[in-house]
């Protein structure tokens, strides 16, 4: 199931470790089945983690540096174009997702603070941030 042969030993180690920890609590009825199920879950977890995209807030100084770099007119044009595409993509987000994105990534509020500010649950904040992130990636990459 795993494409990279260099990581197989690590995956096996993780599977055996999880089996050992689980066996300390209770012994599985079918150790072979338990081992393969555990290994499959580890692979699925790793594949999910690969799809997670980390977004870092843009620092105003960084944006200003990109736009005022007098050394390269090309770099200035590319940065201005990218900033325009990102701004347009943010404008096209649904209002609640845009608001959550603004509070979490620009104002850097915690999930709890964002939920309290908007009068929604933390789970709703998480859902809107996830949707906003995926939508931004689709819009920017298009």
N, C-alpha and C. Protein backbone atom coordinates (compact mmCIF):
# COMPACT_ATOMS: atom_id res chain seq x y z
N UNK A 1 0.81 -1.21 0.00
CA UNK A 1 0.00 0.00 0.00
C UNK A 1 0.85 1.27 0.00
N UNK A 2 2.05 1.21 0.53
CA UNK A 2 2.87 2.40 0.69
C UNK A 2 3.87 2.48 -0.44
N UNK A 3 3.93 3.62 -1.11
CA UNK A 3 4.77 3.76 -2.28
C UNK A 3 6.25 3.91 -2.02
N UNK A 4 6.63 4.50 -0.89
CA UNK A 4 8.03 4.79 -0.62
C UNK A 4 8.67 3.67 0.20
N UNK A 5 9.53 2.83 -0.42
CA UNK A 5 10.12 1.70 0.30
C UNK A 5 11.00 2.11 1.47
N UNK A 6 11.53 3.32 1.44
CA UNK A 6 12.42 3.75 2.53
C UNK A 6 11.66 3.99 3.83
N UNK A 7 10.34 4.10 3.75
CA UNK A 7 9.55 4.37 4.95
C UNK A 7 8.87 3.12 5.51
N UNK A 8 9.02 1.99 4.84
CA UNK A 8 8.31 0.78 5.26
C UNK A 8 8.78 0.31 6.63
N UNK A 9 10.06 0.35 6.89
CA UNK A 9 10.56 -0.07 8.21
C UNK A 9 9.97 0.80 9.31
N UNK A 10 9.85 2.09 9.05
CA UNK A 10 9.26 3.01 10.03
C UNK A 10 7.79 2.68 10.26
N UNK A 11 7.07 2.37 9.18
CA UNK A 11 5.66 1.99 9.30
C UNK A 11 5.51 0.69 10.12
N UNK A 12 6.37 -0.27 9.85
CA UNK A 12 6.33 -1.53 10.61
C UNK A 12 6.60 -1.27 12.09
N UNK A 13 7.58 -0.45 12.36
CA UNK A 13 7.90 -0.11 13.75
C UNK A 13 6.69 0.51 14.44
N UNK A 14 6.03 1.45 13.77
CA UNK A 14 4.85 2.09 14.35
C UNK A 14 3.74 1.07 14.61
N UNK A 15 3.56 0.15 13.68
CA UNK A 15 2.52 -0.88 13.84
C UNK A 15 2.82 -1.78 15.03
N UNK A 16 4.07 -2.22 15.14
CA UNK A 16 4.44 -3.07 16.28
C UNK A 16 4.32 -2.31 17.60
N UNK A 17 4.69 -1.05 17.58
CA UNK A 17 4.58 -0.24 18.80
C UNK A 17 3.12 -0.12 19.23
N UNK A 18 2.24 0.17 18.28
CA UNK A 18 0.81 0.28 18.61
C UNK A 18 0.26 -1.06 19.11
N UNK A 19 0.70 -2.14 18.48
CA UNK A 19 0.26 -3.46 18.93
C UNK A 19 0.72 -3.74 20.35
N UNK A 20 1.95 -3.41 20.63
CA UNK A 20 2.49 -3.63 21.96
C UNK A 20 1.71 -2.83 23.00
N UNK A 21 1.45 -1.55 22.69
CA UNK A 21 0.71 -0.71 23.63
C UNK A 21 -0.71 -1.22 23.84
N UNK A 22 -1.35 -1.69 22.77
CA UNK A 22 -2.71 -2.22 22.88
C UNK A 22 -2.72 -3.53 23.66
N UNK A 23 -1.70 -4.36 23.46
CA UNK A 23 -1.63 -5.66 24.15
C UNK A 23 -1.41 -5.48 25.65
N UNK A 24 -0.85 -4.36 26.05
CA UNK A 24 -0.68 -4.09 27.49
C UNK A 24 -2.03 -3.93 28.16
N UNK A 25 -3.02 -3.47 27.40
CA UNK A 25 -4.37 -3.27 27.95
C UNK A 25 -5.17 -4.57 27.84
N UNK A 26 -5.22 -5.14 26.66
CA UNK A 26 -5.93 -6.40 26.43
C UNK A 26 -5.32 -7.11 25.23
N UNK A 27 -5.28 -8.41 25.29
CA UNK A 27 -4.71 -9.19 24.19
C UNK A 27 -5.70 -9.34 23.06
N UNK A 28 -5.30 -9.06 21.82
CA UNK A 28 -6.22 -9.23 20.70
C UNK A 28 -6.50 -10.72 20.44
N UNK A 29 -7.70 -11.01 19.97
CA UNK A 29 -8.10 -12.39 19.69
C UNK A 29 -7.32 -12.94 18.50
N UNK A 30 -7.16 -12.12 17.46
CA UNK A 30 -6.47 -12.55 16.26
C UNK A 30 -5.33 -11.56 16.01
N UNK A 31 -4.13 -11.91 16.46
CA UNK A 31 -2.99 -10.99 16.39
C UNK A 31 -2.64 -10.60 14.96
N UNK A 32 -2.71 -11.55 14.05
CA UNK A 32 -2.38 -11.26 12.64
C UNK A 32 -3.34 -10.23 12.05
N UNK A 33 -4.62 -10.43 12.26
CA UNK A 33 -5.63 -9.50 11.76
C UNK A 33 -5.46 -8.13 12.41
N UNK A 34 -5.19 -8.13 13.70
CA UNK A 34 -4.99 -6.88 14.42
C UNK A 34 -3.79 -6.12 13.88
N UNK A 35 -2.70 -6.83 13.60
CA UNK A 35 -1.49 -6.21 13.06
C UNK A 35 -1.76 -5.57 11.70
N UNK A 36 -2.42 -6.28 10.80
CA UNK A 36 -2.69 -5.74 9.47
C UNK A 36 -3.68 -4.57 9.51
N UNK A 37 -4.66 -4.67 10.39
CA UNK A 37 -5.61 -3.56 10.55
C UNK A 37 -4.89 -2.33 11.09
N UNK A 38 -4.03 -2.56 12.06
CA UNK A 38 -3.25 -1.45 12.64
C UNK A 38 -2.36 -0.81 11.58
N UNK A 39 -1.68 -1.63 10.79
CA UNK A 39 -0.80 -1.11 9.73
C UNK A 39 -1.61 -0.29 8.72
N UNK A 40 -2.79 -0.80 8.35
CA UNK A 40 -3.63 -0.06 7.40
C UNK A 40 -4.05 1.29 7.98
N UNK A 41 -4.39 1.34 9.26
CA UNK A 41 -4.77 2.59 9.90
C UNK A 41 -3.61 3.58 9.95
N UNK A 42 -2.42 3.08 10.17
CA UNK A 42 -1.23 3.95 10.19
C UNK A 42 -1.02 4.57 8.80
N UNK A 43 -1.15 3.76 7.76
CA UNK A 43 -0.99 4.26 6.39
C UNK A 43 -2.05 5.33 6.10
N UNK A 44 -3.29 5.06 6.47
CA UNK A 44 -4.37 6.03 6.25
C UNK A 44 -4.09 7.32 7.01
N UNK A 45 -3.64 7.22 8.25
CA UNK A 45 -3.30 8.42 9.03
C UNK A 45 -2.22 9.24 8.35
N UNK A 46 -1.19 8.56 7.86
CA UNK A 46 -0.10 9.29 7.19
C UNK A 46 -0.56 9.96 5.91
N UNK A 47 -1.41 9.27 5.17
CA UNK A 47 -1.94 9.87 3.94
C UNK A 47 -2.80 11.09 4.26
N UNK A 48 -3.57 11.03 5.32
CA UNK A 48 -4.37 12.19 5.73
C UNK A 48 -3.46 13.36 6.11
N UNK A 49 -2.41 13.06 6.85
CA UNK A 49 -1.49 14.13 7.27
C UNK A 49 -0.79 14.79 6.09
N UNK A 50 -0.56 14.03 5.04
CA UNK A 50 0.07 14.60 3.84
C UNK A 50 -0.83 15.64 3.18
N UNK A 51 -2.14 15.45 3.31
CA UNK A 51 -3.08 16.36 2.66
C UNK A 51 -3.32 17.63 3.47
N UNK A 52 -2.89 17.65 4.72
CA UNK A 52 -3.08 18.84 5.55
C UNK A 52 -2.16 19.94 5.05
N UNK A 53 -2.72 21.11 4.89
CA UNK A 53 -1.96 22.25 4.41
C UNK A 53 -1.84 23.24 5.56
N UNK A 54 -0.64 23.61 5.88
CA UNK A 54 -0.41 24.58 6.93
C UNK A 54 -0.40 25.97 6.32
N UNK A 55 -1.19 26.84 6.91
CA UNK A 55 -1.22 28.23 6.45
C UNK A 55 -0.59 29.10 7.52
N UNK A 56 0.32 29.92 7.13
CA UNK A 56 0.95 30.84 8.04
C UNK A 56 0.45 32.24 7.73
N UNK A 57 0.20 33.04 8.76
CA UNK A 57 -0.26 34.40 8.48
C UNK A 57 0.83 35.19 7.76
N UNK A 58 0.41 35.98 6.78
CA UNK A 58 1.36 36.84 6.08
C UNK A 58 1.68 38.03 6.96
N UNK A 59 2.93 38.29 7.14
CA UNK A 59 3.35 39.44 7.92
C UNK A 59 3.31 40.67 7.02
N UNK A 60 2.77 41.79 7.51
CA UNK A 60 2.69 43.00 6.68
C UNK A 60 4.05 43.42 6.12
N UNK A 61 5.11 43.19 6.90
CA UNK A 61 6.45 43.57 6.43
C UNK A 61 6.84 42.76 5.19
N UNK A 62 6.45 41.48 5.17
CA UNK A 62 6.77 40.62 4.04
C UNK A 62 6.06 41.12 2.79
N UNK A 63 4.77 41.43 2.91
CA UNK A 63 4.01 41.93 1.76
C UNK A 63 4.61 43.25 1.26
N UNK A 64 4.95 44.11 2.20
CA UNK A 64 5.52 45.40 1.82
C UNK A 64 6.86 45.20 1.12
N UNK A 65 7.65 44.24 1.62
CA UNK A 65 8.96 43.97 1.00
C UNK A 65 8.79 43.47 -0.43
N UNK A 66 7.81 42.59 -0.63
CA UNK A 66 7.59 42.06 -1.97
C UNK A 66 7.17 43.16 -2.94
N UNK A 67 6.34 44.06 -2.46
CA UNK A 67 5.80 45.09 -3.34
C UNK A 67 6.76 46.26 -3.56
N UNK A 68 7.74 46.42 -2.67
CA UNK A 68 8.65 47.56 -2.81
C UNK A 68 10.07 47.14 -3.17
N UNK A 69 10.25 45.91 -3.58
CA UNK A 69 11.58 45.44 -3.96
C UNK A 69 12.00 46.12 -5.26
N UNK A 70 12.90 47.08 -5.14
CA UNK A 70 13.31 47.84 -6.33
C UNK A 70 14.35 47.11 -7.16
N UNK A 71 14.88 46.00 -6.65
CA UNK A 71 15.91 45.26 -7.37
C UNK A 71 15.36 44.52 -8.58
N UNK A 72 14.06 44.15 -8.54
CA UNK A 72 13.55 43.32 -9.61
C UNK A 72 12.12 43.71 -9.98
N UNK A 73 11.95 44.38 -11.12
CA UNK A 73 10.60 44.71 -11.57
C UNK A 73 9.75 43.46 -11.81
N UNK A 74 10.39 42.39 -12.26
CA UNK A 74 9.65 41.15 -12.49
C UNK A 74 9.10 40.61 -11.18
N UNK A 75 9.94 40.63 -10.16
CA UNK A 75 9.52 40.13 -8.84
C UNK A 75 8.35 40.97 -8.33
N UNK A 76 8.42 42.27 -8.53
CA UNK A 76 7.34 43.16 -8.10
C UNK A 76 6.04 42.82 -8.83
N UNK A 77 6.13 42.60 -10.13
CA UNK A 77 4.94 42.27 -10.93
C UNK A 77 4.35 40.94 -10.51
N UNK A 78 5.19 39.94 -10.30
CA UNK A 78 4.73 38.62 -9.88
C UNK A 78 4.07 38.70 -8.51
N UNK A 79 4.71 39.41 -7.58
CA UNK A 79 4.16 39.54 -6.22
C UNK A 79 2.82 40.26 -6.24
N UNK A 80 2.73 41.33 -7.01
CA UNK A 80 1.48 42.08 -7.11
C UNK A 80 0.38 41.21 -7.70
N UNK A 81 0.72 40.42 -8.71
CA UNK A 81 -0.25 39.53 -9.33
C UNK A 81 -0.72 38.45 -8.37
N UNK A 82 0.22 37.86 -7.63
CA UNK A 82 -0.14 36.83 -6.65
C UNK A 82 -1.01 37.41 -5.54
N UNK A 83 -0.65 38.59 -5.08
CA UNK A 83 -1.43 39.24 -4.03
C UNK A 83 -2.84 39.56 -4.53
N UNK A 84 -2.96 39.98 -5.77
CA UNK A 84 -4.27 40.27 -6.36
C UNK A 84 -5.10 38.99 -6.48
N UNK A 85 -4.47 37.90 -6.91
CA UNK A 85 -5.20 36.61 -7.00
C UNK A 85 -5.67 36.13 -5.64
N UNK A 86 -4.81 36.26 -4.63
CA UNK A 86 -5.18 35.85 -3.29
C UNK A 86 -6.31 36.71 -2.74
N UNK A 87 -6.23 38.01 -2.94
CA UNK A 87 -7.28 38.92 -2.49
C UNK A 87 -8.61 38.60 -3.16
N UNK A 88 -8.56 38.34 -4.45
CA UNK A 88 -9.78 37.97 -5.19
C UNK A 88 -10.34 36.65 -4.67
N UNK A 89 -9.47 35.68 -4.40
CA UNK A 89 -9.92 34.38 -3.89
C UNK A 89 -10.57 34.55 -2.52
N UNK A 90 -10.00 35.39 -1.67
CA UNK A 90 -10.59 35.63 -0.34
C UNK A 90 -11.95 36.29 -0.48
N UNK A 91 -12.07 37.24 -1.40
CA UNK A 91 -13.37 37.92 -1.62
C UNK A 91 -14.45 36.93 -2.07
N UNK A 92 -14.05 35.88 -2.78
CA UNK A 92 -15.01 34.92 -3.31
C UNK A 92 -15.42 33.84 -2.31
N UNK A 93 -14.82 33.84 -1.13
CA UNK A 93 -15.20 32.88 -0.09
C UNK A 93 -16.59 33.22 0.45
N UNK A 94 -17.32 32.21 0.95
CA UNK A 94 -18.58 32.52 1.64
C UNK A 94 -18.30 33.44 2.83
N UNK A 95 -19.24 34.33 3.16
CA UNK A 95 -18.99 35.34 4.20
C UNK A 95 -18.51 34.76 5.54
N UNK A 96 -19.14 33.70 6.04
CA UNK A 96 -18.74 33.16 7.34
C UNK A 96 -17.34 32.57 7.28
N UNK A 97 -17.03 31.85 6.21
CA UNK A 97 -15.68 31.27 6.06
C UNK A 97 -14.64 32.37 5.96
N UNK A 98 -14.97 33.45 5.23
CA UNK A 98 -14.04 34.58 5.10
C UNK A 98 -13.80 35.22 6.47
N UNK A 99 -14.86 35.36 7.25
CA UNK A 99 -14.76 35.96 8.57
C UNK A 99 -13.90 35.10 9.50
N UNK A 100 -14.13 33.78 9.47
CA UNK A 100 -13.34 32.86 10.30
C UNK A 100 -11.87 32.92 9.88
N UNK A 101 -11.63 32.89 8.58
CA UNK A 101 -10.26 32.97 8.07
C UNK A 101 -9.58 34.26 8.55
N UNK A 102 -10.29 35.36 8.47
CA UNK A 102 -9.74 36.65 8.90
C UNK A 102 -9.37 36.63 10.38
N UNK A 103 -10.30 36.15 11.21
CA UNK A 103 -10.05 36.15 12.65
C UNK A 103 -8.94 35.19 13.05
N UNK A 104 -8.90 34.00 12.43
CA UNK A 104 -7.92 32.99 12.83
C UNK A 104 -6.54 33.27 12.24
N UNK A 105 -6.46 33.63 10.96
CA UNK A 105 -5.16 33.72 10.30
C UNK A 105 -4.59 35.14 10.25
N UNK A 106 -5.44 36.14 10.20
CA UNK A 106 -4.93 37.51 10.12
C UNK A 106 -4.85 38.13 11.52
N UNK A 107 -5.95 38.05 12.26
CA UNK A 107 -5.95 38.60 13.62
C UNK A 107 -5.35 37.64 14.63
N UNK A 108 -5.12 36.38 14.22
CA UNK A 108 -4.49 35.34 15.03
C UNK A 108 -5.21 35.06 16.34
N UNK A 109 -6.55 35.06 16.30
CA UNK A 109 -7.32 34.68 17.47
C UNK A 109 -7.30 33.15 17.60
N UNK A 110 -7.45 32.67 18.81
CA UNK A 110 -7.52 31.22 19.00
C UNK A 110 -8.86 30.72 18.48
N UNK A 111 -8.98 29.42 18.38
CA UNK A 111 -10.24 28.84 17.91
C UNK A 111 -11.36 29.19 18.89
N UNK A 112 -11.07 29.12 20.16
CA UNK A 112 -12.07 29.44 21.18
C UNK A 112 -12.49 30.91 21.11
N UNK A 113 -11.50 31.80 20.97
CA UNK A 113 -11.81 33.24 20.87
C UNK A 113 -12.63 33.54 19.62
N UNK A 114 -12.29 32.89 18.52
CA UNK A 114 -13.03 33.09 17.27
C UNK A 114 -14.47 32.62 17.43
N UNK A 115 -14.65 31.46 18.02
CA UNK A 115 -16.00 30.91 18.23
C UNK A 115 -16.83 31.85 19.11
N UNK A 116 -16.22 32.33 20.17
CA UNK A 116 -16.93 33.24 21.09
C UNK A 116 -17.28 34.54 20.38
N UNK A 117 -16.35 35.07 19.60
CA UNK A 117 -16.57 36.33 18.88
C UNK A 117 -17.71 36.23 17.88
N UNK A 118 -17.83 35.06 17.22
CA UNK A 118 -18.86 34.88 16.20
C UNK A 118 -20.14 34.26 16.74
N UNK A 119 -20.09 33.79 17.99
CA UNK A 119 -21.27 33.16 18.58
C UNK A 119 -21.58 31.80 17.98
N UNK A 120 -20.52 31.06 17.63
CA UNK A 120 -20.69 29.72 17.07
C UNK A 120 -19.82 28.74 17.87
N UNK A 121 -19.97 27.46 17.60
CA UNK A 121 -19.17 26.45 18.29
C UNK A 121 -17.74 26.42 17.73
N UNK A 122 -16.84 25.86 18.52
CA UNK A 122 -15.46 25.71 18.05
C UNK A 122 -15.41 24.76 16.85
N UNK A 123 -16.28 23.77 16.85
CA UNK A 123 -16.34 22.83 15.72
C UNK A 123 -16.74 23.57 14.44
N UNK A 124 -17.66 24.54 14.56
CA UNK A 124 -18.07 25.32 13.38
C UNK A 124 -16.90 26.16 12.87
N UNK A 125 -16.13 26.72 13.79
CA UNK A 125 -14.94 27.50 13.40
C UNK A 125 -13.97 26.60 12.65
N UNK A 126 -13.73 25.41 13.18
CA UNK A 126 -12.82 24.46 12.55
C UNK A 126 -13.32 24.10 11.15
N UNK A 127 -14.62 23.85 11.02
CA UNK A 127 -15.21 23.49 9.73
C UNK A 127 -15.06 24.63 8.72
N UNK A 128 -15.38 25.86 9.14
CA UNK A 128 -15.28 26.99 8.22
C UNK A 128 -13.84 27.27 7.81
N UNK A 129 -12.91 27.13 8.74
CA UNK A 129 -11.51 27.35 8.41
C UNK A 129 -11.02 26.30 7.42
N UNK A 130 -11.43 25.07 7.64
CA UNK A 130 -11.05 23.99 6.71
C UNK A 130 -11.63 24.26 5.32
N UNK A 131 -12.90 24.62 5.27
CA UNK A 131 -13.53 24.92 3.98
C UNK A 131 -12.87 26.11 3.29
N UNK A 132 -12.56 27.14 4.06
CA UNK A 132 -11.91 28.33 3.49
C UNK A 132 -10.54 27.98 2.93
N UNK A 133 -9.79 27.20 3.66
CA UNK A 133 -8.45 26.81 3.22
C UNK A 133 -8.51 26.00 1.93
N UNK A 134 -9.38 25.02 1.89
CA UNK A 134 -9.51 24.20 0.67
C UNK A 134 -9.98 25.04 -0.50
N UNK A 135 -10.95 25.91 -0.26
CA UNK A 135 -11.50 26.76 -1.33
C UNK A 135 -10.43 27.72 -1.85
N UNK A 136 -9.65 28.30 -0.94
CA UNK A 136 -8.57 29.21 -1.36
C UNK A 136 -7.57 28.48 -2.24
N UNK A 137 -7.19 27.29 -1.85
CA UNK A 137 -6.25 26.52 -2.65
C UNK A 137 -6.81 26.25 -4.05
N UNK A 138 -8.09 25.90 -4.11
CA UNK A 138 -8.71 25.65 -5.41
C UNK A 138 -8.73 26.92 -6.26
N UNK A 139 -9.10 28.04 -5.65
CA UNK A 139 -9.20 29.30 -6.40
C UNK A 139 -7.84 29.82 -6.84
N UNK A 140 -6.85 29.70 -5.98
CA UNK A 140 -5.52 30.21 -6.31
C UNK A 140 -4.83 29.35 -7.35
N UNK A 141 -5.04 28.02 -7.26
CA UNK A 141 -4.39 27.11 -8.20
C UNK A 141 -5.08 27.10 -9.56
N UNK A 142 -6.31 27.56 -9.62
CA UNK A 142 -7.06 27.53 -10.89
C UNK A 142 -6.51 28.52 -11.89
